[in-house]
N, C-alpha and C. Protein backbone atom coordinates (compact mmCIF):
# COMPACT_ATOMS: atom_id res chain seq x y z
N MET A 1 -19.81 86.73 -95.30
CA MET A 1 -20.14 86.26 -96.62
C MET A 1 -20.81 84.89 -96.47
N LYS A 2 -21.93 84.74 -97.13
CA LYS A 2 -22.65 83.48 -97.08
C LYS A 2 -22.02 82.49 -98.05
N PHE A 3 -22.21 81.21 -97.74
CA PHE A 3 -21.57 80.16 -98.50
C PHE A 3 -22.01 80.16 -99.97
N GLY A 4 -23.29 80.39 -100.23
CA GLY A 4 -23.79 80.41 -101.61
C GLY A 4 -23.16 81.53 -102.43
N LYS A 5 -23.05 82.70 -101.83
CA LYS A 5 -22.41 83.83 -102.51
C LYS A 5 -20.93 83.53 -102.75
N PHE A 6 -20.29 82.93 -101.76
CA PHE A 6 -18.89 82.57 -101.90
C PHE A 6 -18.68 81.58 -103.04
N ILE A 7 -19.53 80.56 -103.12
CA ILE A 7 -19.41 79.55 -104.19
C ILE A 7 -19.60 80.19 -105.55
N SER A 8 -20.55 81.12 -105.67
CA SER A 8 -20.75 81.77 -106.97
C SER A 8 -19.53 82.62 -107.34
N TYR A 9 -18.93 83.31 -106.38
CA TYR A 9 -17.70 84.05 -106.65
C TYR A 9 -16.56 83.11 -107.05
N THR A 10 -16.45 82.00 -106.35
CA THR A 10 -15.38 81.04 -106.65
C THR A 10 -15.55 80.46 -108.06
N LEU A 11 -16.76 80.11 -108.41
CA LEU A 11 -17.00 79.59 -109.76
C LEU A 11 -16.73 80.65 -110.81
N GLY A 12 -17.07 81.90 -110.51
CA GLY A 12 -16.78 83.00 -111.44
C GLY A 12 -15.29 83.20 -111.65
N ILE A 13 -14.53 83.16 -110.55
CA ILE A 13 -13.08 83.29 -110.65
C ILE A 13 -12.49 82.10 -111.40
N LEU A 14 -13.00 80.91 -111.13
CA LEU A 14 -12.53 79.70 -111.83
C LEU A 14 -12.80 79.81 -113.33
N PHE A 15 -14.00 80.24 -113.70
CA PHE A 15 -14.35 80.41 -115.11
C PHE A 15 -13.47 81.48 -115.76
N LEU A 16 -13.25 82.59 -115.07
CA LEU A 16 -12.39 83.65 -115.57
C LEU A 16 -10.97 83.15 -115.78
N SER A 17 -10.47 82.37 -114.84
CA SER A 17 -9.10 81.88 -114.98
C SER A 17 -8.97 80.90 -116.14
N ILE A 18 -9.96 80.05 -116.34
CA ILE A 18 -9.92 79.11 -117.47
C ILE A 18 -9.98 79.86 -118.79
N LEU A 19 -10.83 80.88 -118.87
CA LEU A 19 -10.86 81.70 -120.08
C LEU A 19 -9.55 82.43 -120.30
N LEU A 20 -8.97 82.90 -119.22
CA LEU A 20 -7.72 83.66 -119.31
C LEU A 20 -6.60 82.83 -119.90
N HIS A 21 -6.38 81.64 -119.38
CA HIS A 21 -5.26 80.88 -119.93
C HIS A 21 -5.63 80.10 -121.19
N SER A 22 -6.91 79.97 -121.50
CA SER A 22 -7.30 79.32 -122.75
C SER A 22 -7.22 80.27 -123.94
N TYR A 23 -7.67 81.53 -123.73
CA TYR A 23 -7.77 82.45 -124.85
C TYR A 23 -6.72 83.56 -124.83
N VAL A 24 -6.44 84.11 -123.67
CA VAL A 24 -5.45 85.19 -123.61
C VAL A 24 -4.04 84.65 -123.80
N PHE A 25 -3.71 83.60 -123.04
CA PHE A 25 -2.38 83.02 -123.17
C PHE A 25 -2.33 81.95 -124.27
N ALA A 26 -3.48 81.55 -124.80
CA ALA A 26 -3.60 80.61 -125.92
C ALA A 26 -2.79 79.33 -125.69
N LEU A 27 -2.97 78.75 -124.52
CA LEU A 27 -2.26 77.51 -124.22
C LEU A 27 -3.01 76.32 -124.80
N GLN A 28 -2.27 75.27 -125.07
CA GLN A 28 -2.87 74.05 -125.61
C GLN A 28 -2.22 72.84 -124.97
N ASN A 29 -2.85 71.71 -125.12
CA ASN A 29 -2.35 70.40 -124.72
C ASN A 29 -1.96 70.32 -123.25
N GLN A 30 -0.74 69.88 -122.96
CA GLN A 30 -0.32 69.64 -121.58
C GLN A 30 -0.32 70.92 -120.75
N GLU A 31 0.09 72.03 -121.35
CA GLU A 31 0.13 73.29 -120.61
C GLU A 31 -1.26 73.71 -120.18
N LEU A 32 -2.23 73.57 -121.07
CA LEU A 32 -3.62 73.91 -120.74
C LEU A 32 -4.16 72.97 -119.66
N GLN A 33 -3.85 71.70 -119.77
CA GLN A 33 -4.28 70.73 -118.77
C GLN A 33 -3.66 71.03 -117.41
N LEU A 34 -2.39 71.41 -117.39
CA LEU A 34 -1.72 71.75 -116.13
C LEU A 34 -2.35 72.98 -115.49
N LEU A 35 -2.60 74.03 -116.27
CA LEU A 35 -3.18 75.24 -115.70
C LEU A 35 -4.63 75.02 -115.28
N ASN A 36 -5.36 74.19 -115.99
CA ASN A 36 -6.71 73.83 -115.53
C ASN A 36 -6.65 73.11 -114.18
N SER A 37 -5.67 72.23 -114.03
CA SER A 37 -5.50 71.52 -112.76
C SER A 37 -5.16 72.49 -111.63
N ILE A 38 -4.29 73.46 -111.91
CA ILE A 38 -3.94 74.45 -110.90
C ILE A 38 -5.15 75.29 -110.52
N ALA A 39 -5.93 75.70 -111.51
CA ALA A 39 -7.12 76.51 -111.23
C ALA A 39 -8.13 75.73 -110.38
N ILE A 40 -8.32 74.46 -110.69
CA ILE A 40 -9.24 73.64 -109.91
C ILE A 40 -8.70 73.43 -108.50
N PHE A 41 -7.40 73.24 -108.37
CA PHE A 41 -6.79 73.13 -107.04
C PHE A 41 -7.05 74.39 -106.22
N PHE A 42 -6.82 75.55 -106.81
CA PHE A 42 -7.03 76.80 -106.09
C PHE A 42 -8.49 76.98 -105.69
N ALA A 43 -9.41 76.60 -106.56
CA ALA A 43 -10.83 76.73 -106.23
C ALA A 43 -11.20 75.81 -105.06
N ILE A 44 -10.72 74.58 -105.09
CA ILE A 44 -10.99 73.65 -103.99
C ILE A 44 -10.32 74.13 -102.71
N PHE A 45 -9.12 74.67 -102.84
CA PHE A 45 -8.40 75.19 -101.68
C PHE A 45 -9.15 76.36 -101.05
N CYS A 46 -9.69 77.24 -101.88
CA CYS A 46 -10.46 78.38 -101.36
C CYS A 46 -11.71 77.92 -100.62
N VAL A 47 -12.39 76.91 -101.15
CA VAL A 47 -13.57 76.37 -100.46
C VAL A 47 -13.16 75.77 -99.12
N GLY A 48 -12.07 75.04 -99.10
CA GLY A 48 -11.56 74.48 -97.85
C GLY A 48 -11.21 75.56 -96.84
N MET A 49 -10.58 76.62 -97.32
CA MET A 49 -10.24 77.75 -96.43
C MET A 49 -11.50 78.41 -95.88
N PHE A 50 -12.49 78.59 -96.73
CA PHE A 50 -13.74 79.19 -96.27
C PHE A 50 -14.36 78.36 -95.16
N LEU A 51 -14.42 77.04 -95.38
CA LEU A 51 -15.02 76.17 -94.37
C LEU A 51 -14.21 76.14 -93.09
N ALA A 52 -12.88 76.13 -93.21
CA ALA A 52 -12.02 76.11 -92.02
C ALA A 52 -12.15 77.41 -91.23
N ILE A 53 -12.14 78.53 -91.92
CA ILE A 53 -12.25 79.82 -91.24
C ILE A 53 -13.65 80.00 -90.66
N ASP A 54 -14.65 79.47 -91.33
CA ASP A 54 -16.02 79.57 -90.82
C ASP A 54 -16.15 78.82 -89.49
N LYS A 55 -15.40 77.73 -89.33
CA LYS A 55 -15.43 76.98 -88.07
C LYS A 55 -14.76 77.75 -86.93
N THR A 56 -13.84 78.66 -87.24
CA THR A 56 -13.12 79.39 -86.19
C THR A 56 -13.93 80.54 -85.60
N ARG A 57 -15.06 80.87 -86.18
CA ARG A 57 -15.85 82.00 -85.69
C ARG A 57 -16.26 81.84 -84.24
N ASN A 58 -16.57 80.66 -83.83
CA ASN A 58 -17.05 80.43 -82.46
C ASN A 58 -15.95 80.05 -81.49
N SER A 59 -14.70 80.08 -81.94
CA SER A 59 -13.60 79.68 -81.09
C SER A 59 -13.24 80.79 -80.10
N THR A 60 -12.83 80.37 -78.92
CA THR A 60 -12.39 81.36 -77.93
C THR A 60 -10.93 81.74 -78.13
N ASP A 61 -10.20 80.96 -78.92
CA ASP A 61 -8.80 81.25 -79.23
C ASP A 61 -8.75 82.34 -80.29
N LEU A 62 -8.29 83.52 -79.91
CA LEU A 62 -8.26 84.65 -80.83
C LEU A 62 -7.18 84.52 -81.90
N ASN A 63 -6.20 83.68 -81.69
CA ASN A 63 -5.12 83.52 -82.65
C ASN A 63 -5.36 82.37 -83.62
N LEU A 64 -6.45 81.66 -83.48
CA LEU A 64 -6.73 80.51 -84.34
C LEU A 64 -6.87 80.94 -85.80
N PHE A 65 -7.55 82.02 -86.05
CA PHE A 65 -7.73 82.55 -87.41
C PHE A 65 -6.37 82.80 -88.05
N THR A 66 -5.48 83.48 -87.32
CA THR A 66 -4.16 83.81 -87.85
C THR A 66 -3.33 82.56 -88.11
N ARG A 67 -3.38 81.60 -87.21
CA ARG A 67 -2.61 80.37 -87.40
C ARG A 67 -3.10 79.60 -88.62
N ILE A 68 -4.41 79.49 -88.78
CA ILE A 68 -4.95 78.78 -89.94
C ILE A 68 -4.56 79.49 -91.22
N PHE A 69 -4.62 80.81 -91.22
CA PHE A 69 -4.24 81.58 -92.40
C PHE A 69 -2.77 81.37 -92.75
N MET A 70 -1.90 81.43 -91.77
CA MET A 70 -0.46 81.29 -92.02
C MET A 70 -0.12 79.88 -92.51
N ILE A 71 -0.73 78.88 -91.92
CA ILE A 71 -0.49 77.50 -92.37
C ILE A 71 -1.02 77.31 -93.79
N SER A 72 -2.17 77.89 -94.08
CA SER A 72 -2.74 77.73 -95.42
C SER A 72 -1.87 78.39 -96.49
N VAL A 73 -1.28 79.53 -96.17
CA VAL A 73 -0.39 80.18 -97.14
C VAL A 73 0.80 79.27 -97.46
N PHE A 74 1.39 78.69 -96.43
CA PHE A 74 2.53 77.79 -96.63
C PHE A 74 2.13 76.57 -97.44
N VAL A 75 1.02 75.94 -97.06
CA VAL A 75 0.57 74.72 -97.75
C VAL A 75 0.23 75.03 -99.21
N LYS A 76 -0.43 76.15 -99.45
CA LYS A 76 -0.79 76.52 -100.81
C LYS A 76 0.44 76.74 -101.67
N MET A 77 1.44 77.42 -101.15
CA MET A 77 2.67 77.67 -101.91
C MET A 77 3.41 76.37 -102.21
N VAL A 78 3.50 75.48 -101.24
CA VAL A 78 4.22 74.22 -101.45
C VAL A 78 3.51 73.36 -102.50
N ILE A 79 2.20 73.24 -102.39
CA ILE A 79 1.46 72.42 -103.36
C ILE A 79 1.53 73.05 -104.75
N PHE A 80 1.43 74.37 -104.83
CA PHE A 80 1.51 75.07 -106.11
C PHE A 80 2.87 74.81 -106.78
N ILE A 81 3.94 74.93 -106.03
CA ILE A 81 5.28 74.69 -106.58
C ILE A 81 5.43 73.23 -106.99
N PHE A 82 4.89 72.31 -106.17
CA PHE A 82 4.94 70.89 -106.51
C PHE A 82 4.20 70.62 -107.83
N ILE A 83 3.04 71.20 -108.03
CA ILE A 83 2.28 70.99 -109.26
C ILE A 83 3.05 71.53 -110.47
N ILE A 84 3.67 72.70 -110.31
CA ILE A 84 4.45 73.28 -111.41
C ILE A 84 5.64 72.37 -111.76
N ILE A 85 6.37 71.92 -110.75
CA ILE A 85 7.52 71.04 -111.00
C ILE A 85 7.06 69.72 -111.62
N PHE A 86 5.95 69.17 -111.12
CA PHE A 86 5.40 67.95 -111.70
C PHE A 86 5.05 68.16 -113.17
N GLY A 87 4.43 69.29 -113.48
CA GLY A 87 4.05 69.58 -114.86
C GLY A 87 5.24 69.70 -115.79
N ILE A 88 6.30 70.33 -115.29
CA ILE A 88 7.49 70.50 -116.12
C ILE A 88 8.23 69.18 -116.31
N ARG A 89 8.37 68.41 -115.26
CA ARG A 89 9.17 67.18 -115.35
C ARG A 89 8.40 65.99 -115.91
N LYS A 90 7.19 65.76 -115.44
CA LYS A 90 6.47 64.54 -115.81
C LYS A 90 5.55 64.73 -117.01
N MET A 91 4.97 65.91 -117.16
CA MET A 91 4.03 66.15 -118.26
C MET A 91 4.71 66.80 -119.46
N ASP A 92 5.99 67.09 -119.34
CA ASP A 92 6.77 67.72 -120.41
C ASP A 92 6.18 69.05 -120.86
N CYS A 93 5.74 69.84 -119.91
CA CYS A 93 5.23 71.18 -120.22
C CYS A 93 6.39 72.12 -120.49
N ASN A 94 6.17 73.03 -121.40
CA ASN A 94 7.17 74.03 -121.72
C ASN A 94 7.22 75.07 -120.60
N ARG A 95 8.34 75.19 -119.98
CA ARG A 95 8.51 76.09 -118.82
C ARG A 95 8.16 77.53 -119.18
N GLU A 96 8.59 77.98 -120.34
CA GLU A 96 8.35 79.37 -120.75
C GLU A 96 6.87 79.66 -120.97
N LEU A 97 6.11 78.64 -121.34
CA LEU A 97 4.69 78.85 -121.60
C LEU A 97 3.83 78.84 -120.33
N ILE A 98 4.29 78.20 -119.27
CA ILE A 98 3.41 78.07 -118.10
C ILE A 98 3.77 78.98 -116.93
N ILE A 99 4.97 79.55 -116.92
CA ILE A 99 5.37 80.34 -115.76
C ILE A 99 4.50 81.58 -115.59
N LEU A 100 4.39 82.42 -116.61
CA LEU A 100 3.60 83.64 -116.49
C LEU A 100 2.12 83.36 -116.23
N PRO A 101 1.47 82.46 -116.99
CA PRO A 101 0.07 82.19 -116.69
C PRO A 101 -0.15 81.61 -115.29
N SER A 102 0.77 80.80 -114.81
CA SER A 102 0.60 80.23 -113.47
C SER A 102 0.77 81.30 -112.40
N ILE A 103 1.67 82.26 -112.61
CA ILE A 103 1.82 83.36 -111.65
C ILE A 103 0.57 84.24 -111.65
N VAL A 104 0.02 84.50 -112.83
CA VAL A 104 -1.22 85.28 -112.92
C VAL A 104 -2.35 84.55 -112.20
N LEU A 105 -2.42 83.26 -112.39
CA LEU A 105 -3.43 82.44 -111.72
C LEU A 105 -3.26 82.48 -110.20
N TYR A 106 -2.03 82.38 -109.74
CA TYR A 106 -1.74 82.43 -108.30
C TYR A 106 -2.17 83.78 -107.72
N ILE A 107 -1.84 84.86 -108.41
CA ILE A 107 -2.20 86.20 -107.93
C ILE A 107 -3.71 86.39 -107.93
N LEU A 108 -4.38 85.90 -108.97
CA LEU A 108 -5.84 86.02 -109.05
C LEU A 108 -6.53 85.33 -107.88
N PHE A 109 -6.17 84.10 -107.63
CA PHE A 109 -6.81 83.36 -106.54
C PHE A 109 -6.37 83.84 -105.17
N THR A 110 -5.13 84.28 -105.03
CA THR A 110 -4.66 84.81 -103.75
C THR A 110 -5.38 86.12 -103.42
N SER A 111 -5.62 86.95 -104.43
CA SER A 111 -6.37 88.19 -104.21
C SER A 111 -7.80 87.88 -103.77
N PHE A 112 -8.41 86.91 -104.43
CA PHE A 112 -9.76 86.50 -104.05
C PHE A 112 -9.79 85.93 -102.64
N GLU A 113 -8.81 85.09 -102.31
CA GLU A 113 -8.74 84.50 -100.98
C GLU A 113 -8.55 85.59 -99.91
N THR A 114 -7.70 86.54 -100.18
CA THR A 114 -7.48 87.64 -99.23
C THR A 114 -8.75 88.45 -99.05
N TYR A 115 -9.48 88.69 -100.14
CA TYR A 115 -10.73 89.45 -100.06
C TYR A 115 -11.74 88.75 -99.17
N PHE A 116 -11.99 87.47 -99.41
CA PHE A 116 -13.03 86.81 -98.61
C PHE A 116 -12.56 86.56 -97.18
N LEU A 117 -11.26 86.38 -96.97
CA LEU A 117 -10.78 86.22 -95.59
C LEU A 117 -10.89 87.53 -94.81
N MET A 118 -10.67 88.66 -95.47
CA MET A 118 -10.84 89.95 -94.79
C MET A 118 -12.29 90.14 -94.37
N ILE A 119 -13.21 89.77 -95.25
CA ILE A 119 -14.64 89.89 -94.93
C ILE A 119 -14.98 88.96 -93.77
N MET A 120 -14.48 87.75 -93.81
CA MET A 120 -14.78 86.79 -92.74
C MET A 120 -14.14 87.17 -91.41
N SER A 121 -12.98 87.81 -91.46
CA SER A 121 -12.32 88.19 -90.20
C SER A 121 -13.06 89.32 -89.50
N LYS A 122 -13.75 90.15 -90.25
CA LYS A 122 -14.53 91.26 -89.66
C LYS A 122 -15.84 90.76 -89.09
N ARG A 123 -16.26 89.59 -89.49
CA ARG A 123 -17.55 89.04 -89.06
C ARG A 123 -17.51 88.52 -87.64
N ARG A 124 -16.34 88.34 -87.07
CA ARG A 124 -16.21 87.79 -85.72
C ARG A 124 -16.82 88.75 -84.79
């Protein structure tokens, strides 16, 4: 997958996620701001993953791809949980309003990340 195509997919997923929690879940105020922050984090994280995995193509270490993927899954989950806890405690977000949309957002971006990583892993 070329970088330009990847960026257009990422922006499409980001736009879809913002529409999803703005209109489908009808969030407002702090909850909307928190989910926008999570969506932007996931988009930036996906770009970082793309660039990191793209660097591993020329590596002689066959396990480098797997290690980067496993570390990224852990880091993404920890940061995601930290953002949710921060939103609930410091931004006074309603827990019941953000849990389902944030899980949908996590699944949406994780599916996209898995898709592009599968394509990139076959390119080696």
